[in-house]
Amino acid sequence: MTPSEIQSIKQRFGIIGNAPSLNYAIQVAAQVAPTDMTVLITGESGSGKESFSKIIHALSPRKHGQFIAINCGAIPEGTIDSELFGHEKGSFTGAQEARKGYFEVTNGGTIFLDEIGEMPLGTQARLLRVLENGEFIRVGSSKVQKTDVRVVAATNVNLLDAVREGRFREDLYYRLNTVPISVPPLRERGDDIYLLFRKFATDFADRYRVKPISLTSDAVQELQRFRFPGNIRQLKNVAEQMSVLETEREVDSRRLRSYLPADQSSRLPMLVSAAGSATDGAGNAYSERDLLYKVLFDMRRDMTDLKKLVLDLAAGQRPQETQELLRQNSHLFNNLSVAPYDGPAARPLRPASPETGPAEYILSPRDLSMDDTTDYEEEVQRVEDIPHETEEETLSLEAKEKEMIIKALKKHNNKRKYAAHDLGISERTLYRKLKQYDLEQA
């Protein structure tokens, strides 16, 4: 898709901004629109997810059909089945007549299910049947009805976490996530923040018949440094407050700060929440698993470097060349504690100091000789004659997962229920993993 085509979509749907992540999300939405594939839109609250559902509907062959947007979190659990799938007369108290549900009304169109993560588990099962077979049953009826509806879902929560916690069906997650679209938060869109502010300031100036608010250069920088946890919705509220309350139409950074909550302005490079999860200055979460992977990969890289160094030393380096090689790779020994050697050939790798602690020592290959008369070439040849085997450790996630499953089963005497609980997964997921790794007889 060309930049001009993306710009045309922006103008048509009133989208402001030029951030690469925003342009990519628009491109994906435009490419998937002509198909009937289910789309899952993810993004923080207030980031503009509904606009992408409208793009998908308007650019699809269903554009002449009906489009309905539903907030699943705003419908009570007791009535959501009736709202979505309809009900028969007398099916529950107050059902004085039959009523069509949204899936029946939007036949041939598109239905946008916002906050899909808030949908009750029972309704999730009904939705899965619609997605797989295009079938649904009204509340209080036994008659199966057909519908041809395209579903676009959106969420501001991590559905995989909800799956692990048992709040969201795993099969429904993968059925919805056919094509994922990630809408970037406002804080990651750079100069788009000021562009949107100018747009909102102009709109509110027209509405309230006042002069538009303008910002000084330092105020622009202050605005772009703010995190905006409420995203575009929060920025719009700030622009509206300033348009109504400010007597001076040019606002500096000091006045701007009075409209921005102080507890949301932190720009620390790394924050740690009370729950122990790390986040960067933009508020993006790093899970414990991500941090563990980073540590493992760093360890693997250091181990590989150490193996190469040992092989180079065993390949017959001269004493002076050995010392130079060790000096070039001294960073590999920064955290290595070696007991001091009192012999005459001991050479300090790092001298003792109050900052670094006790001295650390290294020995050259000559220092390892049996006596001073041993020829260096003979000693090197003796080392070379020793067979060396290197075992490459695996960091395969599948291998680690299989190993953990086997350990859990052994721990609980092959009782799968308790093994699944210990692994933090459902029994259904454990059965699938056993079949995947050919462990069904375990």
Protein backbone atom coordinates (compact mmCIF):
# COMPACT_ATOMS: atom_id res chain seq x y z
CA MET A 1 0.00 0.00 0.00
CA THR A 2 1.40 3.39 -1.01
CA PRO A 3 1.75 6.33 1.42
CA SER A 4 -0.84 8.26 -0.58
CA GLU A 5 -3.39 5.45 -0.13
CA ILE A 6 -2.74 5.39 3.62
CA GLN A 7 -3.12 9.17 3.76
CA SER A 8 -6.42 8.90 1.88
CA ILE A 9 -7.73 6.45 4.52
CA LYS A 10 -6.64 8.82 7.29
CA GLN A 11 -8.51 11.73 5.73
CA ARG A 12 -11.62 9.64 5.17
CA PHE A 13 -11.81 8.42 8.76
CA GLY A 14 -10.40 11.49 10.50
CA ILE A 15 -7.20 9.85 11.74
CA ILE A 16 -4.43 12.30 12.67
CA GLY A 17 -0.76 11.26 12.82
CA ASN A 18 2.22 9.99 10.89
CA ALA A 19 3.82 7.53 13.33
CA PRO A 20 5.17 4.42 11.51
CA SER A 21 3.37 2.08 13.94
CA LEU A 22 0.08 3.86 13.23
CA ASN A 23 0.60 3.69 9.47
CA TYR A 24 1.36 -0.04 9.71
CA ALA A 25 -1.82 -0.71 11.69
CA ILE A 26 -3.85 1.16 9.05
CA GLN A 27 -2.15 -0.83 6.29
CA VAL A 28 -2.99 -4.16 7.95
CA ALA A 29 -6.62 -3.07 8.45
CA ALA A 30 -6.93 -2.08 4.78
CA GLN A 31 -5.37 -5.33 3.57
CA VAL A 32 -7.60 -7.59 5.67
CA ALA A 33 -10.80 -5.59 5.00
CA PRO A 34 -11.75 -7.29 1.66
CA THR A 35 -11.68 -10.72 3.34
CA ASP A 36 -14.09 -12.27 5.88
CA MET A 37 -11.34 -13.07 8.37
CA THR A 38 -11.90 -12.40 12.06
CA VAL A 39 -9.78 -9.56 13.41
CA LEU A 40 -8.58 -8.90 16.97
CA ILE A 41 -7.62 -5.29 17.67
CA THR A 42 -5.43 -4.77 20.73
CA GLY A 43 -4.46 -1.50 22.35
CA GLU A 44 -4.82 0.56 25.47
CA SER A 45 -8.09 2.22 26.43
CA GLY A 46 -8.59 5.46 24.53
CA SER A 47 -6.10 4.67 21.75
CA GLY A 48 -8.76 4.64 18.98
CA LYS A 49 -9.47 0.94 18.39
CA GLU A 50 -13.03 1.54 17.18
CA SER A 51 -11.77 3.65 14.26
CA PHE A 52 -9.97 0.58 12.89
CA SER A 53 -13.14 -1.52 13.06
CA LYS A 54 -14.88 1.15 10.97
CA ILE A 55 -12.05 1.09 8.44
CA ILE A 56 -12.38 -2.70 8.10
CA HIS A 57 -16.16 -2.52 7.62
CA ALA A 58 -16.13 0.44 5.20
CA LEU A 59 -13.47 -1.12 2.94
CA SER A 60 -15.09 -4.57 2.90
CA PRO A 61 -17.76 -6.07 0.61
CA ARG A 62 -20.11 -5.78 3.63
CA LYS A 63 -19.96 -1.97 3.61
CA HIS A 64 -23.63 -1.77 2.59
CA GLY A 65 -24.64 -4.05 5.47
CA GLN A 66 -25.21 -2.97 9.04
CA PHE A 67 -22.38 -2.13 11.42
CA ILE A 68 -22.99 -2.39 15.17
CA ALA A 69 -20.46 -1.61 17.92
CA ILE A 70 -21.07 -3.29 21.28
CA ASN A 71 -19.20 -2.78 24.53
CA CYS A 72 -19.23 -6.22 26.17
CA GLY A 73 -18.17 -4.75 29.51
CA ALA A 74 -21.20 -2.44 29.64
CA ILE A 75 -23.86 -5.17 29.30
CA PRO A 76 -24.86 -7.03 32.52
CA GLU A 77 -23.92 -10.70 32.60
CA GLY A 78 -27.54 -11.77 32.97
CA THR A 79 -28.72 -10.06 29.78
CA ILE A 80 -25.74 -10.23 27.42
CA ASP A 81 -26.88 -13.54 25.85
CA SER A 82 -30.27 -12.00 25.10
CA GLU A 83 -28.67 -8.86 23.66
CA LEU A 84 -26.34 -10.76 21.36
CA PHE A 85 -28.46 -13.76 20.34
CA GLY A 86 -32.06 -12.68 21.07
CA HIS A 87 -34.73 -14.42 23.16
CA GLU A 88 -38.15 -15.99 22.86
CA LYS A 89 -41.32 -14.73 24.53
CA GLY A 90 -41.53 -15.89 28.15
CA SER A 91 -37.95 -17.20 28.23
CA PHE A 92 -37.29 -15.17 31.39
CA THR A 93 -39.04 -12.67 33.63
CA GLY A 94 -39.85 -9.56 31.62
CA ALA A 95 -39.56 -11.25 28.22
CA GLN A 96 -43.06 -10.25 27.09
CA GLU A 97 -42.28 -10.72 23.41
CA ALA A 98 -39.65 -12.31 21.20
CA ARG A 99 -36.66 -10.17 20.37
CA LYS A 100 -33.93 -10.42 17.74
CA GLY A 101 -30.30 -10.26 18.92
CA TYR A 102 -27.45 -8.29 17.39
CA PHE A 103 -26.12 -11.31 15.49
CA GLU A 104 -29.49 -11.74 13.83
CA VAL A 105 -29.97 -8.03 13.10
CA THR A 106 -26.50 -7.60 11.56
CA ASN A 107 -26.80 -10.58 9.21
CA GLY A 108 -24.65 -9.69 6.19
CA GLY A 109 -22.85 -6.93 8.09
CA THR A 110 -20.15 -6.45 10.71
CA ILE A 111 -20.34 -6.58 14.49
CA PHE A 112 -17.64 -4.91 16.61
CA LEU A 113 -17.24 -6.49 20.06
CA ASP A 114 -15.29 -4.04 22.19
CA GLU A 115 -13.79 -5.13 25.54
CA ILE A 116 -14.13 -8.78 24.51
CA GLY A 117 -12.12 -9.80 27.58
CA GLU A 118 -15.08 -8.84 29.80
CA MET A 119 -17.44 -11.32 28.13
CA PRO A 120 -18.73 -14.09 30.49
CA LEU A 121 -17.48 -17.64 29.87
CA GLY A 122 -20.96 -18.93 28.97
CA THR A 123 -21.38 -16.26 26.31
CA GLN A 124 -17.90 -17.04 25.01
CA ALA A 125 -19.02 -20.59 24.24
CA ARG A 126 -22.02 -19.26 22.26
CA LEU A 127 -19.77 -16.82 20.38
CA LEU A 128 -17.34 -19.61 19.47
CA ARG A 129 -20.19 -21.53 17.83
CA VAL A 130 -21.12 -18.48 15.75
CA LEU A 131 -17.52 -18.04 14.61
CA GLU A 132 -17.04 -21.68 13.70
CA ASN A 133 -20.41 -22.62 12.21
CA GLY A 134 -22.36 -19.37 11.80
CA GLU A 135 -25.05 -20.83 14.11
CA PHE A 136 -26.76 -19.49 17.22
CA ILE A 137 -29.80 -20.26 19.37
CA ARG A 138 -32.06 -17.65 20.94
CA VAL A 139 -32.44 -17.69 24.71
CA GLY A 140 -35.38 -19.94 25.56
CA SER A 141 -35.43 -21.60 22.12
CA SER A 142 -34.18 -24.91 20.74
CA LYS A 143 -34.18 -23.85 17.10
CA VAL A 144 -30.77 -23.37 15.49
CA GLN A 145 -30.56 -20.26 13.33
CA LYS A 146 -27.93 -19.22 10.78
CA THR A 147 -26.22 -15.87 10.46
CA ASP A 148 -23.52 -14.42 8.23
CA VAL A 149 -21.74 -11.85 10.36
CA ARG A 150 -18.14 -10.72 10.37
CA VAL A 151 -16.74 -10.29 13.87
CA VAL A 152 -14.14 -7.66 14.74
CA ALA A 153 -13.12 -7.83 18.41
CA ALA A 154 -11.07 -5.45 20.53
CA THR A 155 -9.50 -5.58 23.97
CA ASN A 156 -7.29 -3.46 26.19
CA VAL A 157 -6.20 -6.40 28.37
CA ASN A 158 -3.77 -9.24 27.72
CA LEU A 159 -6.04 -12.09 26.66
CA LEU A 160 -3.27 -14.68 27.07
CA ASP A 161 -3.05 -13.75 30.74
CA ALA A 162 -6.84 -14.08 30.95
CA VAL A 163 -6.57 -17.54 29.34
CA ARG A 164 -3.98 -18.64 31.90
CA GLU A 165 -6.18 -17.36 34.71
CA GLY A 166 -9.22 -19.22 33.35
CA ARG A 167 -11.19 -16.05 32.56
CA PHE A 168 -11.11 -16.49 28.77
CA ARG A 169 -11.46 -19.56 26.58
CA GLU A 170 -8.24 -20.58 24.86
CA ASP A 171 -10.01 -21.91 21.76
CA LEU A 172 -11.94 -18.66 21.39
CA TYR A 173 -8.74 -16.62 21.72
CA TYR A 174 -7.09 -18.40 18.81
CA ARG A 175 -10.30 -18.22 16.77
CA LEU A 176 -10.52 -14.46 17.29
CA ASN A 177 -6.82 -13.80 16.79
CA THR A 178 -6.79 -14.78 13.11
CA VAL A 179 -5.43 -11.37 12.14
CA PRO A 180 -4.09 -9.23 15.02
CA ILE A 181 -3.87 -5.45 14.75
CA SER A 182 -1.96 -3.57 17.45
CA VAL A 183 -2.94 0.09 17.91
CA PRO A 184 0.01 2.03 19.38
CA PRO A 185 -0.50 4.07 22.57
CA LEU A 186 -0.30 7.83 22.22
CA ARG A 187 3.01 8.12 24.11
CA GLU A 188 4.73 6.06 21.38
CA ARG A 189 3.58 8.30 18.54
CA GLY A 190 6.03 11.18 19.01
CA ASP A 191 5.06 14.33 17.10
CA ASP A 192 1.51 13.01 16.62
CA ILE A 193 0.74 14.21 20.17
CA TYR A 194 1.11 17.87 19.20
CA LEU A 195 -0.71 17.36 15.89
CA LEU A 196 -3.70 15.90 17.74
CA PHE A 197 -3.61 18.69 20.32
CA ARG A 198 -3.77 21.33 17.59
CA LYS A 199 -6.68 19.51 15.97
CA PHE A 200 -8.62 19.34 19.25
CA ALA A 201 -7.78 22.95 20.13
CA THR A 202 -9.16 24.12 16.77
CA ASP A 203 -12.31 22.02 17.12
CA PHE A 204 -13.06 23.33 20.62
CA ALA A 205 -12.32 26.91 19.56
CA ASP A 206 -15.02 26.58 16.89
CA ARG A 207 -17.42 24.97 19.34
CA TYR A 208 -16.99 27.56 22.09
CA ARG A 209 -16.31 30.48 19.72
CA VAL A 210 -12.95 31.41 21.21
CA LYS A 211 -9.43 31.82 19.89
CA PRO A 212 -7.57 28.48 19.57
CA ILE A 213 -5.07 27.59 22.27
CA SER A 214 -1.42 27.66 21.20
CA LEU A 215 1.62 26.29 23.03
CA THR A 216 5.10 27.71 23.47
CA SER A 217 8.06 25.57 22.41
CA ASP A 218 8.80 24.47 25.98
CA ALA A 219 5.12 23.58 26.44
CA VAL A 220 5.22 21.42 23.31
CA GLN A 221 8.18 19.52 24.73
CA GLU A 222 6.37 19.13 28.06
CA LEU A 223 3.30 17.81 26.26
CA GLN A 224 5.30 15.22 24.30
CA ARG A 225 7.10 14.04 27.46
CA PHE A 226 3.84 13.26 29.24
CA ARG A 227 2.86 9.56 29.34
CA PHE A 228 -0.88 10.01 28.65
CA PRO A 229 -2.14 6.76 30.25
CA GLY A 230 -5.62 7.75 29.00
CA ASN A 231 -4.23 8.16 25.47
CA ILE A 232 -6.19 10.22 22.91
CA ARG A 233 -9.23 10.53 25.18
CA GLN A 234 -7.11 12.12 27.91
CA LEU A 235 -5.39 14.49 25.46
CA LYS A 236 -8.78 15.60 24.15
CA ASN A 237 -9.99 16.34 27.68
CA VAL A 238 -6.88 18.41 28.40
CA ALA A 239 -7.38 20.42 25.20
CA GLU A 240 -11.04 21.05 26.07
CA GLN A 241 -10.24 22.18 29.63
CA MET A 242 -7.61 24.61 28.41
CA SER A 243 -9.89 25.97 25.68
CA VAL A 244 -12.57 26.81 28.25
CA LEU A 245 -10.53 27.85 31.30
CA GLU A 246 -7.46 29.64 29.96
CA THR A 247 -7.64 33.42 29.72
CA GLU A 248 -4.29 33.63 27.91
CA ARG A 249 -4.49 31.80 24.60
CA GLU A 250 -0.74 31.07 24.50
CA VAL A 251 0.17 28.53 27.18
CA ASP A 252 3.69 27.90 28.51
CA SER A 253 5.01 24.73 30.17
CA ARG A 254 4.26 25.99 33.69
CA ARG A 255 0.58 26.53 32.92
CA LEU A 256 0.39 23.29 30.95
CA ARG A 257 1.67 21.28 33.93
CA SER A 258 -1.29 22.44 35.98
CA TYR A 259 -3.55 20.46 33.60
CA LEU A 260 -1.38 17.32 33.66
CA PRO A 261 -1.51 15.00 36.71
CA ALA A 262 1.89 15.02 38.39
CA ASP A 263 1.78 11.32 39.28
CA GLN A 264 1.51 10.41 35.58
CA SER A 265 4.49 12.45 34.38
CA SER A 266 7.36 10.15 35.34
CA ARG A 267 9.86 9.51 32.57
CA LEU A 268 12.18 7.11 34.41
CA PRO A 269 13.95 4.63 32.11
CA MET A 270 12.81 1.70 34.29
CA LEU A 271 9.98 1.50 36.80
CA VAL A 272 9.13 -1.42 39.04
CA SER A 273 5.50 -1.82 40.05
CA ALA A 274 4.25 -3.10 43.36
CA ALA A 275 3.54 -6.45 41.75
CA GLY A 276 7.20 -6.75 40.80
CA SER A 277 6.85 -6.43 37.03
CA ALA A 278 9.31 -4.10 35.33
CA THR A 279 8.26 -1.38 32.92
CA ASP A 280 10.12 1.13 30.81
CA GLY A 281 9.54 4.87 30.85
CA ALA A 282 6.72 4.47 28.35
CA GLY A 283 4.88 2.11 30.66
CA ASN A 284 5.43 -1.04 28.59
CA ALA A 285 5.58 -4.11 30.82
CA TYR A 286 8.46 -6.57 30.86
CA SER A 287 7.33 -9.94 32.19
CA GLU A 288 9.53 -12.07 34.41
CA ARG A 289 9.82 -14.53 31.51
CA ASP A 290 11.24 -11.79 29.23
CA LEU A 291 13.83 -10.87 31.87
CA LEU A 292 14.73 -14.53 32.37
CA TYR A 293 15.22 -15.02 28.63
CA LYS A 294 17.54 -12.02 28.52
CA VAL A 295 19.65 -13.40 31.38
CA LEU A 296 19.81 -16.83 29.74
CA PHE A 297 20.87 -15.43 26.38
CA ASP A 298 23.56 -13.28 28.04
CA MET A 299 24.85 -16.35 29.91
CA ARG A 300 24.88 -18.38 26.73
CA ARG A 301 26.86 -15.71 24.90
CA ASP A 302 29.42 -15.50 27.72
CA MET A 303 29.75 -19.30 27.83
CA THR A 304 30.36 -19.42 24.08
CA ASP A 305 33.06 -16.75 24.37
CA LEU A 306 34.71 -18.63 27.24
CA LYS A 307 34.72 -21.88 25.23
CA LYS A 308 36.40 -20.12 22.32
CA LEU A 309 38.97 -18.62 24.68
CA VAL A 310 39.82 -21.98 26.26
CA LEU A 311 40.17 -23.60 22.83
CA ASP A 312 42.47 -20.79 21.70
CA LEU A 313 44.61 -21.26 24.81
CA ALA A 314 44.80 -24.99 24.20
CA ALA A 315 45.79 -24.45 20.55
CA GLY A 316 49.38 -23.63 21.42
CA GLN A 317 49.55 -19.92 22.19
CA ARG A 318 52.93 -18.67 23.35
CA PRO A 319 53.09 -17.17 26.87
CA GLN A 320 53.15 -13.60 25.63
CA GLU A 321 50.34 -14.29 23.18
CA THR A 322 48.37 -15.99 25.95
CA GLN A 323 48.67 -12.99 28.24
CA GLU A 324 47.57 -10.68 25.41
CA LEU A 325 44.60 -12.95 24.64
CA LEU A 326 43.52 -12.96 28.29
CA ARG A 327 43.93 -9.22 28.51
CA GLN A 328 41.69 -8.72 25.48
CA ASN A 329 39.00 -10.91 27.08
CA SER A 330 39.33 -9.66 30.64
CA HIS A 331 35.61 -8.73 30.65
CA LEU A 332 34.80 -12.43 30.83
CA PHE A 333 36.47 -12.64 34.24
CA ASN A 334 34.86 -9.62 35.87
CA ASN A 335 32.61 -11.75 38.09
CA LEU A 336 34.98 -14.71 38.48
CA SER A 337 36.47 -15.22 41.94
CA VAL A 338 39.80 -17.12 41.94
CA ALA A 339 41.75 -18.02 45.05
CA PRO A 340 45.13 -16.21 45.16
CA TYR A 341 48.12 -18.25 44.06
CA ASP A 342 51.30 -17.68 46.05
CA GLY A 343 53.68 -19.22 43.55
CA PRO A 344 56.30 -17.16 41.71
CA ALA A 345 54.44 -17.33 38.40
CA ALA A 346 51.15 -15.85 39.66
CA ARG A 347 50.19 -12.71 37.76
CA PRO A 348 47.41 -10.39 38.94
CA LEU A 349 44.52 -10.07 36.57
CA ARG A 350 43.10 -7.22 38.67
CA PRO A 351 44.97 -5.57 41.58
CA ALA A 352 43.35 -5.31 44.98
CA SER A 353 41.52 -2.06 45.76
CA PRO A 354 38.71 -0.84 48.08
CA GLU A 355 36.41 -0.53 45.08
CA THR A 356 37.01 -3.89 43.35
CA GLY A 357 37.91 -6.05 46.37
CA PRO A 358 40.72 -8.62 46.62
CA ALA A 359 43.09 -9.25 43.76
CA GLU A 360 42.40 -11.97 41.21
CA TYR A 361 45.14 -14.02 39.57
CA ILE A 362 45.76 -15.96 36.40
CA LEU A 363 48.33 -18.55 35.42
CA SER A 364 49.95 -18.99 32.05
CA PRO A 365 50.22 -22.45 30.44
CA ARG A 366 53.90 -22.53 31.48
CA ASP A 367 52.87 -22.04 35.11
CA LEU A 368 50.92 -25.32 34.93
CA SER A 369 54.05 -27.36 34.07
CA MET A 370 55.09 -30.20 36.35
CA ASP A 371 58.49 -28.62 36.88
CA ASP A 372 60.67 -25.86 35.50
CA THR A 373 62.53 -28.26 33.17
CA THR A 374 59.43 -29.37 31.29
CA ASP A 375 59.62 -28.19 27.69
CA TYR A 376 56.81 -25.81 26.76
CA GLU A 377 56.25 -27.41 23.35
CA GLU A 378 55.87 -30.84 24.98
CA GLU A 379 53.39 -29.47 27.48
CA VAL A 380 51.30 -27.89 24.72
CA GLN A 381 51.41 -31.12 22.71
CA ARG A 382 50.23 -33.03 25.82
CA VAL A 383 47.29 -30.66 26.14
CA GLU A 384 46.44 -30.98 22.44
CA ASP A 385 46.40 -34.78 22.66
CA ILE A 386 43.63 -34.72 25.26
CA PRO A 387 40.25 -35.18 23.50
CA HIS A 388 37.97 -32.25 24.10
CA GLU A 389 34.22 -32.54 23.90
CA THR A 390 31.97 -29.55 23.98
CA GLU A 391 28.29 -29.94 24.79
CA GLU A 392 26.08 -27.19 23.42
CA GLU A 393 23.28 -26.49 25.87
CA THR A 394 19.84 -26.09 24.39
CA LEU A 395 17.62 -23.10 25.00
CA SER A 396 14.72 -24.51 23.00
CA LEU A 397 11.45 -23.49 24.61
CA GLU A 398 9.81 -26.72 23.47
CA ALA A 399 12.57 -28.84 25.04
CA LYS A 400 12.34 -26.92 28.32
CA GLU A 401 8.55 -27.18 28.29
CA LYS A 402 8.69 -30.93 27.66
CA GLU A 403 11.23 -31.35 30.47
CA MET A 404 9.05 -29.42 32.93
CA ILE A 405 5.97 -31.49 32.02
CA ILE A 406 7.87 -34.76 32.61
CA LYS A 407 9.15 -33.49 35.97
CA ALA A 408 5.66 -32.42 37.05
CA LEU A 409 4.19 -35.80 36.11
CA LYS A 410 6.90 -37.67 38.01
CA LYS A 411 6.44 -35.40 41.02
CA HIS A 412 2.71 -36.13 41.19
CA ASN A 413 2.90 -39.83 40.22
CA ASN A 414 1.36 -39.20 36.77
CA LYS A 415 -1.73 -37.55 38.24
CA ARG A 416 -2.40 -35.07 35.47
CA LYS A 417 -4.79 -32.89 37.43
CA TYR A 418 -2.18 -32.03 40.05
CA ALA A 419 0.61 -31.78 37.47
CA ALA A 420 -1.42 -29.25 35.46
CA HIS A 421 -2.09 -27.22 38.61
CA ASP A 422 1.61 -27.25 39.50
CA LEU A 423 2.53 -26.10 35.97
CA GLY A 424 -0.04 -23.30 36.09
CA ILE A 425 -2.02 -24.54 33.07
CA SER A 426 -5.41 -26.16 32.56
CA GLU A 427 -5.86 -29.92 32.30
CA ARG A 428 -7.06 -29.45 28.74
CA THR A 429 -3.84 -27.65 27.82
CA LEU A 430 -1.77 -30.36 29.52
CA TYR A 431 -3.57 -33.09 27.51
CA ARG A 432 -2.80 -31.16 24.31
CA LYS A 433 0.87 -30.80 25.28
CA LEU A 434 1.14 -34.52 26.10
CA LYS A 435 -0.17 -35.34 22.66
CA GLN A 436 2.11 -32.76 21.03
CA TYR A 437 5.25 -34.17 22.68
CA ASP A 438 4.13 -37.81 22.38
CA LEU A 439 3.91 -38.21 26.15
CA GLU A 440 0.38 -39.62 26.34
CA GLN A 441 1.66 -42.87 27.87
CA ALA A 442 3.56 -40.97 30.57
